[in-house]
């Protein structure tokens, strides 16, 4: 793993990174939809947050599986 510092970083901070990415994506979606939907855009928060965390966490898990197979 010494040759791949990016993979080491993903393995170490994967869950926290996935949560931060999910929060950023959710904030962007709400900010974009706010001008069109107003307060109703807040209804999107749980769905976007769950979906974006799922997608980011699945990327982290794929990296974990690949590094276990290679290592």
Protein backbone atom coordinates (compact mmCIF):
# COMPACT_ATOMS: atom_id res chain seq x y z
CA UNK A 1 0.00 0.00 0.00
CA UNK A 2 2.97 2.34 0.23
CA UNK A 3 2.89 2.86 -3.52
CA UNK A 4 -0.74 3.98 -3.52
CA UNK A 5 -1.30 6.85 -1.07
CA UNK A 6 -4.71 7.71 -2.52
CA UNK A 7 -6.02 4.23 -1.79
CA UNK A 8 -4.62 4.40 1.73
CA UNK A 9 -6.40 7.71 2.22
CA UNK A 10 -9.69 6.30 0.96
CA UNK A 11 -9.36 3.27 3.22
CA UNK A 12 -8.59 5.39 6.26
CA UNK A 13 -11.20 8.14 5.83
CA UNK A 14 -13.76 6.35 3.66
CA UNK A 15 -16.84 6.63 5.84
CA UNK A 16 -16.23 10.21 6.89
CA UNK A 17 -15.43 11.16 3.32
CA UNK A 18 -18.62 9.53 2.07
CA UNK A 19 -20.65 11.43 4.65
CA UNK A 20 -19.02 14.74 3.70
CA UNK A 21 -19.62 14.10 0.00
CA UNK A 22 -23.26 13.23 0.74
CA UNK A 23 -23.76 16.46 2.69
CA UNK A 24 -22.18 18.55 -0.07
CA UNK A 25 -24.29 16.90 -2.77
CA UNK A 26 -27.44 17.37 -0.70
CA UNK A 27 -26.65 21.04 -0.11
CA UNK A 28 -26.07 21.58 -3.84
CA UNK A 29 -29.33 19.87 -4.80
CA UNK A 30 -31.31 21.91 -2.29
CA UNK A 31 -29.60 25.14 -3.38
CA UNK A 32 -30.34 24.46 -7.04
CA UNK A 33 -33.94 23.41 -6.46
CA UNK A 34 -34.65 26.25 -4.00
CA UNK A 35 -35.32 28.82 -6.72
CA UNK A 36 -37.89 26.57 -8.39
CA UNK A 37 -39.55 24.84 -5.46
CA UNK A 38 -38.94 27.08 -2.45
CA UNK A 39 -39.62 25.46 0.90
CA UNK A 40 -40.80 22.28 -0.82
CA UNK A 41 -37.21 21.55 -1.80
CA UNK A 42 -36.56 20.61 1.84
CA UNK A 43 -38.62 17.48 1.19
CA UNK A 44 -35.79 16.24 -1.05
CA UNK A 45 -33.18 16.27 1.73
CA UNK A 46 -33.69 12.75 3.17
CA UNK A 47 -33.87 11.13 -0.26
CA UNK A 48 -30.87 12.91 -1.75
CA UNK A 49 -28.83 12.44 1.40
CA UNK A 50 -29.52 8.70 1.56
CA UNK A 51 -28.88 8.15 -2.14
CA UNK A 52 -25.68 10.19 -2.28
CA UNK A 53 -24.29 8.50 0.85
CA UNK A 54 -25.13 5.11 -0.64
CA UNK A 55 -23.29 5.97 -3.85
CA UNK A 56 -20.21 7.37 -2.12
CA UNK A 57 -20.06 4.49 0.36
CA UNK A 58 -20.33 1.92 -2.42
CA UNK A 59 -17.28 3.51 -4.06
CA UNK A 60 -15.36 3.15 -0.79
CA UNK A 61 -16.42 -0.48 -0.47
CA UNK A 62 -15.29 -1.24 -4.03
CA UNK A 63 -11.89 0.26 -3.24
CA UNK A 64 -11.72 -1.87 -0.07
CA UNK A 65 -12.52 -5.04 -2.01
CA UNK A 66 -9.95 -4.27 -4.70
CA UNK A 67 -7.20 -3.51 -2.20
CA UNK A 68 -7.94 -6.73 -0.30
CA UNK A 69 -7.71 -8.74 -3.50
CA UNK A 70 -4.46 -7.08 -4.59
CA UNK A 71 -2.82 -7.02 -1.19
